[in-house]
């Protein structure tokens, strides 16, 4: 079986709570991610199909302070 893995990092854009502070959760806003996941992407969104696994990952690795995207991406 041939498996492929693609990590997609959107620097500066994280998955948040289902609130007005999450750009994916703005009222009336549906698009690519909603169509792909059949849900609004948030930290609570988890989708697994034969073609896709989508889940939030904590890139801070337990280190206090603001996340450093390059460090988190490299470690993941």
C-alpha atoms as a PDB file:
ATOM      1  CA  UNK A   1       0.000   0.000   0.000  1.00  0.00           C
ATOM      2  CA  UNK A   2       1.323   3.428  -0.927  1.00  0.00           C
ATOM      3  CA  UNK A   3       0.879   6.032   1.846  1.00  0.00           C
ATOM      4  CA  UNK A   4       1.594   9.725   1.583  1.00  0.00           C
ATOM      5  CA  UNK A   5       1.784  12.307   4.334  1.00  0.00           C
ATOM      6  CA  UNK A   6       1.494  16.049   3.871  1.00  0.00           C
ATOM      7  CA  UNK A   7       1.793  18.512   6.742  1.00  0.00           C
ATOM      8  CA  UNK A   8       0.224  21.869   5.959  1.00  0.00           C
ATOM      9  CA  UNK A   9       1.495  24.723   8.121  1.00  0.00           C
ATOM     10  CA  UNK A  10      -0.203  28.098   7.903  1.00  0.00           C
ATOM     11  CA  UNK A  11       2.219  30.350   9.777  1.00  0.00           C
ATOM     12  CA  UNK A  12       0.455  32.772  12.086  1.00  0.00           C
ATOM     13  CA  UNK A  13      -2.880  31.015  11.711  1.00  0.00           C
ATOM     14  CA  UNK A  14      -3.730  28.491  14.348  1.00  0.00           C
ATOM     15  CA  UNK A  15      -6.823  26.500  15.130  1.00  0.00           C
ATOM     16  CA  UNK A  16      -8.742  28.173  17.911  1.00  0.00           C
ATOM     17  CA  UNK A  17     -11.939  27.837  19.845  1.00  0.00           C
ATOM     18  CA  UNK A  18     -15.348  28.076  18.204  1.00  0.00           C
ATOM     19  CA  UNK A  19     -15.613  31.819  18.787  1.00  0.00           C
ATOM     20  CA  UNK A  20     -15.425  35.123  16.960  1.00  0.00           C
ATOM     21  CA  UNK A  21     -11.643  35.158  17.511  1.00  0.00           C
ATOM     22  CA  UNK A  22     -11.248  32.138  15.214  1.00  0.00           C
ATOM     23  CA  UNK A  23     -11.200  33.341  11.579  1.00  0.00           C
ATOM     24  CA  UNK A  24     -12.617  29.982  10.459  1.00  0.00           C
ATOM     25  CA  UNK A  25     -15.628  30.433  12.757  1.00  0.00           C
ATOM     26  CA  UNK A  26     -16.816  33.844  11.526  1.00  0.00           C
ATOM     27  CA  UNK A  27     -20.542  33.720  10.925  1.00  0.00           C
ATOM     28  CA  UNK A  28     -21.574  32.935   7.396  1.00  0.00           C
ATOM     29  CA  UNK A  29     -18.031  32.132   6.347  1.00  0.00           C
ATOM     30  CA  UNK A  30     -17.663  28.748   4.706  1.00  0.00           C
ATOM     31  CA  UNK A  31     -15.042  27.749   2.231  1.00  0.00           C
ATOM     32  CA  UNK A  32     -12.397  25.212   1.329  1.00  0.00           C
ATOM     33  CA  UNK A  33     -11.792  23.825   4.831  1.00  0.00           C
ATOM     34  CA  UNK A  34     -15.497  23.600   5.630  1.00  0.00           C
ATOM     35  CA  UNK A  35     -16.133  21.770   2.362  1.00  0.00           C
ATOM     36  CA  UNK A  36     -13.208  19.411   3.005  1.00  0.00           C
ATOM     37  CA  UNK A  37     -13.996  18.662   6.661  1.00  0.00           C
ATOM     38  CA  UNK A  38     -17.780  19.153   6.699  1.00  0.00           C
ATOM     39  CA  UNK A  39     -17.142  21.187   9.846  1.00  0.00           C
ATOM     40  CA  UNK A  40     -15.621  24.488  10.935  1.00  0.00           C
ATOM     41  CA  UNK A  41     -11.937  23.917  11.735  1.00  0.00           C
ATOM     42  CA  UNK A  42     -11.175  24.362  15.441  1.00  0.00           C
ATOM     43  CA  UNK A  43      -9.119  22.654  18.130  1.00  0.00           C
ATOM     44  CA  UNK A  44     -12.077  20.315  18.661  1.00  0.00           C
ATOM     45  CA  UNK A  45     -12.279  19.290  14.996  1.00  0.00           C
ATOM     46  CA  UNK A  46     -11.012  15.823  14.268  1.00  0.00           C
ATOM     47  CA  UNK A  47     -11.739  14.100  10.959  1.00  0.00           C
ATOM     48  CA  UNK A  48     -10.446  10.758   9.752  1.00  0.00           C
ATOM     49  CA  UNK A  49     -11.422   9.159   6.447  1.00  0.00           C
ATOM     50  CA  UNK A  50      -9.727   6.843   3.961  1.00  0.00           C
ATOM     51  CA  UNK A  51      -8.279   9.938   2.252  1.00  0.00           C
ATOM     52  CA  UNK A  52      -7.718  12.401   5.099  1.00  0.00           C
ATOM     53  CA  UNK A  53      -6.679  12.781   8.715  1.00  0.00           C
ATOM     54  CA  UNK A  54      -7.220  16.247  10.177  1.00  0.00           C
ATOM     55  CA  UNK A  55      -6.483  17.186  13.766  1.00  0.00           C
ATOM     56  CA  UNK A  56      -4.901  20.000  15.711  1.00  0.00           C
ATOM     57  CA  UNK A  57      -1.344  19.539  16.936  1.00  0.00           C
ATOM     58  CA  UNK A  58       0.218  21.441  19.848  1.00  0.00           C
ATOM     59  CA  UNK A  59       3.362  22.922  18.303  1.00  0.00           C
ATOM     60  CA  UNK A  60       4.621  24.524  21.538  1.00  0.00           C
ATOM     61  CA  UNK A  61       5.828  21.123  22.795  1.00  0.00           C
ATOM     62  CA  UNK A  62       5.119  22.019  26.433  1.00  0.00           C
ATOM     63  CA  UNK A  63       7.340  25.127  26.435  1.00  0.00           C
ATOM     64  CA  UNK A  64       5.862  28.203  28.127  1.00  0.00           C
ATOM     65  CA  UNK A  65       5.534  31.453  26.194  1.00  0.00           C
ATOM     66  CA  UNK A  66       4.627  32.327  22.654  1.00  0.00           C
ATOM     67  CA  UNK A  67       5.025  29.461  20.201  1.00  0.00           C
ATOM     68  CA  UNK A  68       7.947  29.657  17.817  1.00  0.00           C
ATOM     69  CA  UNK A  69       6.554  28.301  14.569  1.00  0.00           C
ATOM     70  CA  UNK A  70       9.835  27.123  13.037  1.00  0.00           C
ATOM     71  CA  UNK A  71      10.790  25.211  16.190  1.00  0.00           C
ATOM     72  CA  UNK A  72       7.372  23.601  16.467  1.00  0.00           C
ATOM     73  CA  UNK A  73       7.210  22.728  12.772  1.00  0.00           C
ATOM     74  CA  UNK A  74      10.697  21.215  12.817  1.00  0.00           C
ATOM     75  CA  UNK A  75       9.939  19.083  15.868  1.00  0.00           C
ATOM     76  CA  UNK A  76       6.670  17.836  14.407  1.00  0.00           C
END
